[in-house]
Amino acid sequence: MSSKVLEIEAKFRVPDAVTFQRLLALSGLDDYLFGPVEVAETVDRYYDTADMALLRGGYACRLRQERGRIIATVKGLGEAEGSLHQRQELETLLQEMCEPRDWPEGAAKTLVLSLIGDRPLSLLFELRQVRRHREVREGARIVGWLSLDQVRLADADRSLSWWELEIELSGQGAISDLRSLEDALVKRFGLSPEPRSKFARALQWHWSPGASTGWLEAIYI
């Protein structure tokens, strides 16, 4: 598997477990119907060089373990407008955890090696989540997929957890669908748009509580 796509999704903060359960109980919103819930546990490991060559080049590298598969994803720095996130994404399926030089030939490998050269990648942090994934339909059209995520970060002496809702468009969906769903979520549940990515939140937490740099503020991947 190797692919290059423009990922378009809306992200929202879920304030508490009660709201999370109310959202999980939904069968749909307005004209949109939700399919059965599929539960998946994922482990996302993010990597970069010691001097953050990938991030400074405008990308993040994630190796995801899910349902017995390992998927390497290279995400471009995206744009966020309220809840709406858009970014380029390259993916390739791996047989095992390995350095980029051992990835299958393709755009993801070429891009990463062009940025890091001979420098090794090191683990930045590990993010674990339980995802409750559902298809979103409007009539015969598959608009996209809704995910309710329980996210956890931890190291030796501290941890961070949160809830999040994401709606990712399919090829049949449109940004107007995301806006309609956003209106319904805000009106019924008071959800707030989340302009930050999980990666950006985790990276700031990883460096130190309250840490901030000028270039980190613009990361939405």
C-alpha atoms as a PDB file:
ATOM      1  CA  MET A   1       0.000   0.000   0.000  1.00  0.00           C
ATOM      2  CA  SER A   2       1.260   3.438  -0.896  1.00  0.00           C
ATOM      3  CA  SER A   3      -0.851   6.569  -1.219  1.00  0.00           C
ATOM      4  CA  LYS A   4      -0.776  10.353  -1.362  1.00  0.00           C
ATOM      5  CA  VAL A   5      -3.907  12.240  -0.406  1.00  0.00           C
ATOM      6  CA  LEU A   6      -5.191  15.591   0.739  1.00  0.00           C
ATOM      7  CA  GLU A   7      -6.691  14.894   4.149  1.00  0.00           C
ATOM      8  CA  ILE A   8      -9.631  17.149   5.057  1.00  0.00           C
ATOM      9  CA  GLU A   9     -11.239  16.840   8.459  1.00  0.00           C
ATOM     10  CA  ALA A  10     -12.953  18.750  11.255  1.00  0.00           C
ATOM     11  CA  LYS A  11     -11.721  18.383  14.843  1.00  0.00           C
ATOM     12  CA  PHE A  12     -13.553  19.200  18.081  1.00  0.00           C
ATOM     13  CA  ARG A  13     -12.787  19.104  21.794  1.00  0.00           C
ATOM     14  CA  VAL A  14     -15.011  16.841  23.861  1.00  0.00           C
ATOM     15  CA  PRO A  15     -15.105  18.352  27.358  1.00  0.00           C
ATOM     16  CA  ASP A  16     -15.931  15.317  29.505  1.00  0.00           C
ATOM     17  CA  ALA A  17     -16.891  11.652  29.631  1.00  0.00           C
ATOM     18  CA  VAL A  18     -20.619  12.401  29.858  1.00  0.00           C
ATOM     19  CA  THR A  19     -20.564  14.360  26.592  1.00  0.00           C
ATOM     20  CA  PHE A  20     -18.430  11.630  25.022  1.00  0.00           C
ATOM     21  CA  GLN A  21     -21.070   9.010  25.863  1.00  0.00           C
ATOM     22  CA  ARG A  22     -23.898  11.218  24.560  1.00  0.00           C
ATOM     23  CA  LEU A  23     -22.049  11.606  21.263  1.00  0.00           C
ATOM     24  CA  LEU A  24     -21.392   7.889  21.087  1.00  0.00           C
ATOM     25  CA  ALA A  25     -25.126   7.195  21.476  1.00  0.00           C
ATOM     26  CA  LEU A  26     -26.049   9.269  18.404  1.00  0.00           C
ATOM     27  CA  SER A  27     -27.558   7.524  15.396  1.00  0.00           C
ATOM     28  CA  GLY A  28     -27.105  10.624  13.248  1.00  0.00           C
ATOM     29  CA  LEU A  29     -27.302  14.407  12.996  1.00  0.00           C
ATOM     30  CA  ASP A  30     -29.894  16.225  10.872  1.00  0.00           C
ATOM     31  CA  ASP A  31     -29.767  14.575   7.397  1.00  0.00           C
ATOM     32  CA  TYR A  32     -26.653  12.537   8.204  1.00  0.00           C
ATOM     33  CA  LEU A  33     -26.824   8.938   9.448  1.00  0.00           C
ATOM     34  CA  PHE A  34     -24.028   7.168  11.347  1.00  0.00           C
ATOM     35  CA  GLY A  35     -23.079   3.545  10.794  1.00  0.00           C
ATOM     36  CA  PRO A  36     -22.193   0.906  13.388  1.00  0.00           C
ATOM     37  CA  VAL A  37     -19.363   1.643  15.781  1.00  0.00           C
ATOM     38  CA  GLU A  38     -16.016  -0.040  15.100  1.00  0.00           C
ATOM     39  CA  VAL A  39     -13.542   0.066  17.983  1.00  0.00           C
ATOM     40  CA  ALA A  40      -9.786   0.090  17.373  1.00  0.00           C
ATOM     41  CA  GLU A  41      -6.831   0.593  19.697  1.00  0.00           C
ATOM     42  CA  THR A  42      -3.919   2.373  18.050  1.00  0.00           C
ATOM     43  CA  VAL A  43      -0.362   3.091  19.098  1.00  0.00           C
ATOM     44  CA  ASP A  44       1.136   6.092  17.310  1.00  0.00           C
ATOM     45  CA  ARG A  45       4.878   6.642  17.561  1.00  0.00           C
ATOM     46  CA  TYR A  46       6.262   9.924  16.235  1.00  0.00           C
ATOM     47  CA  TYR A  47       9.863  10.232  15.102  1.00  0.00           C
ATOM     48  CA  ASP A  48      12.326  12.912  14.061  1.00  0.00           C
ATOM     49  CA  THR A  49      16.059  13.559  13.991  1.00  0.00           C
ATOM     50  CA  ALA A  50      17.926  15.136  16.901  1.00  0.00           C
ATOM     51  CA  ASP A  51      17.732  18.542  15.196  1.00  0.00           C
ATOM     52  CA  MET A  52      14.062  18.092  14.176  1.00  0.00           C
ATOM     53  CA  ALA A  53      14.852  18.034  10.450  1.00  0.00           C
ATOM     54  CA  LEU A  54      11.429  16.699   9.461  1.00  0.00           C
ATOM     55  CA  LEU A  55       9.457  19.198  11.496  1.00  0.00           C
ATOM     56  CA  ARG A  56      11.585  22.109  10.376  1.00  0.00           C
ATOM     57  CA  GLY A  57      11.104  20.907   6.806  1.00  0.00           C
ATOM     58  CA  GLY A  58       7.344  21.046   7.291  1.00  0.00           C
ATOM     59  CA  TYR A  59       6.490  17.407   8.081  1.00  0.00           C
ATOM     60  CA  ALA A  60       5.829  14.910  10.840  1.00  0.00           C
ATOM     61  CA  CYS A  61       6.538  11.176  10.712  1.00  0.00           C
ATOM     62  CA  ARG A  62       4.204   8.721  12.419  1.00  0.00           C
ATOM     63  CA  LEU A  63       4.355   4.931  12.635  1.00  0.00           C
ATOM     64  CA  ARG A  64       0.937   3.575  13.576  1.00  0.00           C
ATOM     65  CA  GLN A  65       0.228   0.076  14.864  1.00  0.00           C
ATOM     66  CA  GLU A  66      -3.424  -0.855  14.446  1.00  0.00           C
ATOM     67  CA  ARG A  67      -5.162  -4.208  13.947  1.00  0.00           C
ATOM     68  CA  GLY A  68      -1.897  -6.009  13.290  1.00  0.00           C
ATOM     69  CA  ARG A  69      -0.689  -3.519  10.675  1.00  0.00           C
ATOM     70  CA  ILE A  70       2.129  -0.950  10.752  1.00  0.00           C
ATOM     71  CA  ILE A  71       1.501   2.138   8.629  1.00  0.00           C
ATOM     72  CA  ALA A  72       4.130   4.851   8.108  1.00  0.00           C
ATOM     73  CA  THR A  73       2.527   8.254   7.547  1.00  0.00           C
ATOM     74  CA  VAL A  74       4.275  11.482   6.582  1.00  0.00           C
ATOM     75  CA  LYS A  75       2.037  14.480   7.178  1.00  0.00           C
ATOM     76  CA  GLY A  76       2.638  17.954   5.802  1.00  0.00           C
ATOM     77  CA  LEU A  77       2.115  21.057   7.871  1.00  0.00           C
ATOM     78  CA  GLY A  78      -1.559  21.836   7.396  1.00  0.00           C
ATOM     79  CA  GLU A  79      -3.883  24.760   7.547  1.00  0.00           C
ATOM     80  CA  ALA A  80      -6.492  25.080  10.296  1.00  0.00           C
ATOM     81  CA  GLU A  81      -9.477  27.383  10.098  1.00  0.00           C
ATOM     82  CA  GLY A  82     -11.435  26.831  13.273  1.00  0.00           C
ATOM     83  CA  SER A  83     -12.267  23.127  13.269  1.00  0.00           C
ATOM     84  CA  LEU A  84     -11.244  22.562   9.634  1.00  0.00           C
ATOM     85  CA  HIS A  85      -7.839  20.957   8.975  1.00  0.00           C
ATOM     86  CA  GLN A  86      -6.308  20.317   5.558  1.00  0.00           C
ATOM     87  CA  ARG A  87      -2.928  18.694   4.896  1.00  0.00           C
ATOM     88  CA  GLN A  88      -1.055  16.500   2.463  1.00  0.00           C
ATOM     89  CA  GLU A  89      -0.496  12.948   3.644  1.00  0.00           C
ATOM     90  CA  LEU A  90       1.777  10.184   2.339  1.00  0.00           C
ATOM     91  CA  GLU A  91       1.338   6.615   3.570  1.00  0.00           C
ATOM     92  CA  THR A  92       3.067   3.296   3.104  1.00  0.00           C
ATOM     93  CA  LEU A  93       2.487  -0.119   4.663  1.00  0.00           C
ATOM     94  CA  LEU A  94       5.463  -1.637   6.520  1.00  0.00           C
ATOM     95  CA  GLN A  95       6.206  -5.268   7.288  1.00  0.00           C
ATOM     96  CA  GLU A  96       7.954  -4.303  10.545  1.00  0.00           C
ATOM     97  CA  MET A  97       9.184  -1.279  12.487  1.00  0.00           C
ATOM     98  CA  CYS A  98      12.208  -0.001  10.574  1.00  0.00           C
ATOM     99  CA  GLU A  99      14.210   3.042   9.512  1.00  0.00           C
ATOM    100  CA  PRO A 100      13.010   4.995   6.433  1.00  0.00           C
ATOM    101  CA  ARG A 101      15.869   3.627   4.309  1.00  0.00           C
ATOM    102  CA  ASP A 102      14.214   0.197   4.676  1.00  0.00           C
ATOM    103  CA  TRP A 103      10.693   1.345   3.780  1.00  0.00           C
ATOM    104  CA  PRO A 104       9.160   0.236   0.468  1.00  0.00           C
ATOM    105  CA  GLU A 105      10.067   2.451  -2.456  1.00  0.00           C
ATOM    106  CA  GLY A 106       7.640   5.314  -2.918  1.00  0.00           C
ATOM    107  CA  ALA A 107       6.882   8.969  -2.257  1.00  0.00           C
ATOM    108  CA  ALA A 108       6.926   8.674   1.557  1.00  0.00           C
ATOM    109  CA  LYS A 109      10.401   7.137   1.643  1.00  0.00           C
ATOM    110  CA  THR A 110      11.777   9.567  -0.946  1.00  0.00           C
ATOM    111  CA  LEU A 111      10.478  12.598   0.921  1.00  0.00           C
ATOM    112  CA  VAL A 112      11.738  11.548   4.347  1.00  0.00           C
ATOM    113  CA  LEU A 113      15.210  10.629   3.098  1.00  0.00           C
ATOM    114  CA  SER A 114      15.472  13.931   1.227  1.00  0.00           C
ATOM    115  CA  LEU A 115      14.968  15.740   4.546  1.00  0.00           C
ATOM    116  CA  ILE A 116      16.982  13.603   6.960  1.00  0.00           C
ATOM    117  CA  GLY A 117      19.825  12.303   4.789  1.00  0.00           C
ATOM    118  CA  ASP A 118      21.906   9.803   6.779  1.00  0.00           C
ATOM    119  CA  ARG A 119      20.698  10.999  10.180  1.00  0.00           C
ATOM    120  CA  PRO A 120      18.827   8.415  12.261  1.00  0.00           C
ATOM    121  CA  LEU A 121      15.316   8.948  13.537  1.00  0.00           C
ATOM    122  CA  SER A 122      14.635   8.918  17.258  1.00  0.00           C
ATOM    123  CA  LEU A 123      11.340   8.419  19.065  1.00  0.00           C
ATOM    124  CA  LEU A 124       9.766  11.682  20.208  1.00  0.00           C
ATOM    125  CA  PHE A 125       6.782  10.224  22.053  1.00  0.00           C
ATOM    126  CA  GLU A 126       4.168   7.508  21.948  1.00  0.00           C
ATOM    127  CA  LEU A 127       0.473   8.355  21.765  1.00  0.00           C
ATOM    128  CA  ARG A 128      -2.149   5.705  22.524  1.00  0.00           C
ATOM    129  CA  GLN A 129      -5.806   6.022  21.687  1.00  0.00           C
ATOM    130  CA  VAL A 130      -9.020   4.068  21.613  1.00  0.00           C
ATOM    131  CA  ARG A 131     -10.950   5.083  18.493  1.00  0.00           C
ATOM    132  CA  ARG A 132     -14.662   4.545  17.979  1.00  0.00           C
ATOM    133  CA  HIS A 133     -15.040   4.850  14.242  1.00  0.00           C
ATOM    134  CA  ARG A 134     -18.303   5.244  12.273  1.00  0.00           C
ATOM    135  CA  GLU A 135     -19.300   5.799   8.672  1.00  0.00           C
ATOM    136  CA  VAL A 136     -21.239   9.007   7.952  1.00  0.00           C
ATOM    137  CA  ARG A 137     -23.872   8.878   5.185  1.00  0.00           C
ATOM    138  CA  GLU A 138     -26.229  11.346   3.582  1.00  0.00           C
ATOM    139  CA  GLY A 139     -28.618   9.372   1.408  1.00  0.00           C
ATOM    140  CA  ALA A 140     -26.574   7.047  -0.811  1.00  0.00           C
ATOM    141  CA  ARG A 141     -23.467   9.198  -0.366  1.00  0.00           C
ATOM    142  CA  ILE A 142     -20.654   8.189   1.999  1.00  0.00           C
ATOM    143  CA  VAL A 143     -19.681  11.610   3.326  1.00  0.00           C
ATOM    144  CA  GLY A 144     -16.830  10.421   5.526  1.00  0.00           C
ATOM    145  CA  TRP A 145     -15.993   8.892   8.883  1.00  0.00           C
ATOM    146  CA  LEU A 146     -16.597  10.102  12.413  1.00  0.00           C
ATOM    147  CA  SER A 147     -14.162   9.112  15.160  1.00  0.00           C
ATOM    148  CA  LEU A 148     -14.573   9.558  18.892  1.00  0.00           C
ATOM    149  CA  ASP A 149     -11.114   9.234  20.401  1.00  0.00           C
ATOM    150  CA  GLN A 150      -9.827   8.695  23.921  1.00  0.00           C
ATOM    151  CA  VAL A 151      -6.193   9.817  23.818  1.00  0.00           C
ATOM    152  CA  ARG A 152      -3.427   9.196  26.356  1.00  0.00           C
ATOM    153  CA  LEU A 153       0.205  10.243  26.641  1.00  0.00           C
ATOM    154  CA  ALA A 154       2.491   9.099  29.438  1.00  0.00           C
ATOM    155  CA  ASP A 155       6.108   9.032  30.500  1.00  0.00           C
ATOM    156  CA  ALA A 156       7.852   7.996  33.705  1.00  0.00           C
ATOM    157  CA  ASP A 157       6.223  10.521  36.020  1.00  0.00           C
ATOM    158  CA  ARG A 158       3.334  12.302  34.270  1.00  0.00           C
ATOM    159  CA  SER A 159       0.496  11.737  31.853  1.00  0.00           C
ATOM    160  CA  LEU A 160      -2.036  13.609  29.766  1.00  0.00           C
ATOM    161  CA  SER A 161      -5.446  12.398  28.559  1.00  0.00           C
ATOM    162  CA  TRP A 162      -8.253  13.966  26.557  1.00  0.00           C
ATOM    163  CA  TRP A 163     -11.326  13.230  24.414  1.00  0.00           C
ATOM    164  CA  GLU A 164     -11.689  14.364  20.819  1.00  0.00           C
ATOM    165  CA  LEU A 165     -14.124  14.082  17.911  1.00  0.00           C
ATOM    166  CA  GLU A 166     -12.952  14.045  14.291  1.00  0.00           C
ATOM    167  CA  ILE A 167     -14.886  13.896  11.033  1.00  0.00           C
ATOM    168  CA  GLU A 168     -12.774  13.061   7.984  1.00  0.00           C
ATOM    169  CA  LEU A 169     -14.179  13.546   4.491  1.00  0.00           C
ATOM    170  CA  SER A 170     -14.301  10.774   1.910  1.00  0.00           C
ATOM    171  CA  GLY A 171     -14.008  11.404  -1.821  1.00  0.00           C
ATOM    172  CA  GLN A 172     -17.788  11.832  -1.921  1.00  0.00           C
ATOM    173  CA  GLY A 173     -17.878  14.410   0.877  1.00  0.00           C
ATOM    174  CA  ALA A 174     -17.546  18.186   0.687  1.00  0.00           C
ATOM    175  CA  ILE A 175     -16.439  20.920   3.063  1.00  0.00           C
ATOM    176  CA  SER A 176     -20.065  22.067   3.170  1.00  0.00           C
ATOM    177  CA  ASP A 177     -20.873  18.709   4.801  1.00  0.00           C
ATOM    178  CA  LEU A 178     -18.311  19.387   7.521  1.00  0.00           C
ATOM    179  CA  ARG A 179     -19.781  22.834   8.112  1.00  0.00           C
ATOM    180  CA  SER A 180     -23.303  21.405   8.407  1.00  0.00           C
ATOM    181  CA  LEU A 181     -22.145  18.767  10.874  1.00  0.00           C
ATOM    182  CA  GLU A 182     -20.175  21.366  12.811  1.00  0.00           C
ATOM    183  CA  ASP A 183     -23.268  23.564  13.174  1.00  0.00           C
ATOM    184  CA  ALA A 184     -25.255  20.624  14.534  1.00  0.00           C
ATOM    185  CA  LEU A 185     -22.514  19.599  16.981  1.00  0.00           C
ATOM    186  CA  VAL A 186     -22.074  23.128  18.300  1.00  0.00           C
ATOM    187  CA  LYS A 187     -25.813  23.716  18.712  1.00  0.00           C
ATOM    188  CA  ARG A 188     -26.651  20.383  20.345  1.00  0.00           C
ATOM    189  CA  PHE A 189     -23.518  19.692  22.366  1.00  0.00           C
ATOM    190  CA  GLY A 190     -21.683  23.012  22.647  1.00  0.00           C
ATOM    191  CA  LEU A 191     -18.489  21.512  21.217  1.00  0.00           C
ATOM    192  CA  SER A 192     -15.543  23.820  20.562  1.00  0.00           C
ATOM    193  CA  PRO A 193     -13.386  23.576  17.421  1.00  0.00           C
ATOM    194  CA  GLU A 194      -9.894  22.173  18.025  1.00  0.00           C
ATOM    195  CA  PRO A 195      -7.367  24.005  15.842  1.00  0.00           C
ATOM    196  CA  ARG A 196      -4.445  21.941  17.184  1.00  0.00           C
ATOM    197  CA  SER A 197      -3.539  18.466  16.067  1.00  0.00           C
ATOM    198  CA  LYS A 198      -2.884  15.615  18.465  1.00  0.00           C
ATOM    199  CA  PHE A 199       0.725  15.802  17.341  1.00  0.00           C
ATOM    200  CA  ALA A 200       1.063  19.496  18.231  1.00  0.00           C
ATOM    201  CA  ARG A 201      -0.530  18.986  21.649  1.00  0.00           C
ATOM    202  CA  ALA A 202       1.666  15.976  22.349  1.00  0.00           C
ATOM    203  CA  LEU A 203       4.871  17.659  21.174  1.00  0.00           C
ATOM    204  CA  GLN A 204       4.378  20.651  23.443  1.00  0.00           C
ATOM    205  CA  TRP A 205       3.615  18.325  26.364  1.00  0.00           C
ATOM    206  CA  HIS A 206       6.682  16.230  25.535  1.00  0.00           C
ATOM    207  CA  TRP A 207       9.091  19.144  25.679  1.00  0.00           C
ATOM    208  CA  SER A 208       7.810  20.526  28.983  1.00  0.00           C
ATOM    209  CA  PRO A 209       4.583  21.749  30.569  1.00  0.00           C
ATOM    210  CA  GLY A 210       3.751  25.171  29.200  1.00  0.00           C
ATOM    211  CA  ALA A 211       6.627  25.147  26.704  1.00  0.00           C
ATOM    212  CA  SER A 212       6.126  27.246  23.600  1.00  0.00           C
ATOM    213  CA  THR A 213       8.130  28.301  20.565  1.00  0.00           C
ATOM    214  CA  GLY A 214       7.194  30.634  17.767  1.00  0.00           C
ATOM    215  CA  TRP A 215       7.292  27.994  15.048  1.00  0.00           C
ATOM    216  CA  LEU A 216       5.358  25.440  17.126  1.00  0.00           C
ATOM    217  CA  GLU A 217       2.376  27.786  17.301  1.00  0.00           C
ATOM    218  CA  ALA A 218       1.790  27.288  13.549  1.00  0.00           C
ATOM    219  CA  ILE A 219       1.700  23.465  13.645  1.00  0.00           C
ATOM    220  CA  TYR A 220      -1.713  21.970  12.926  1.00  0.00           C
ATOM    221  CA  ILE A 221      -0.786  18.501  11.667  1.00  0.00           C
END
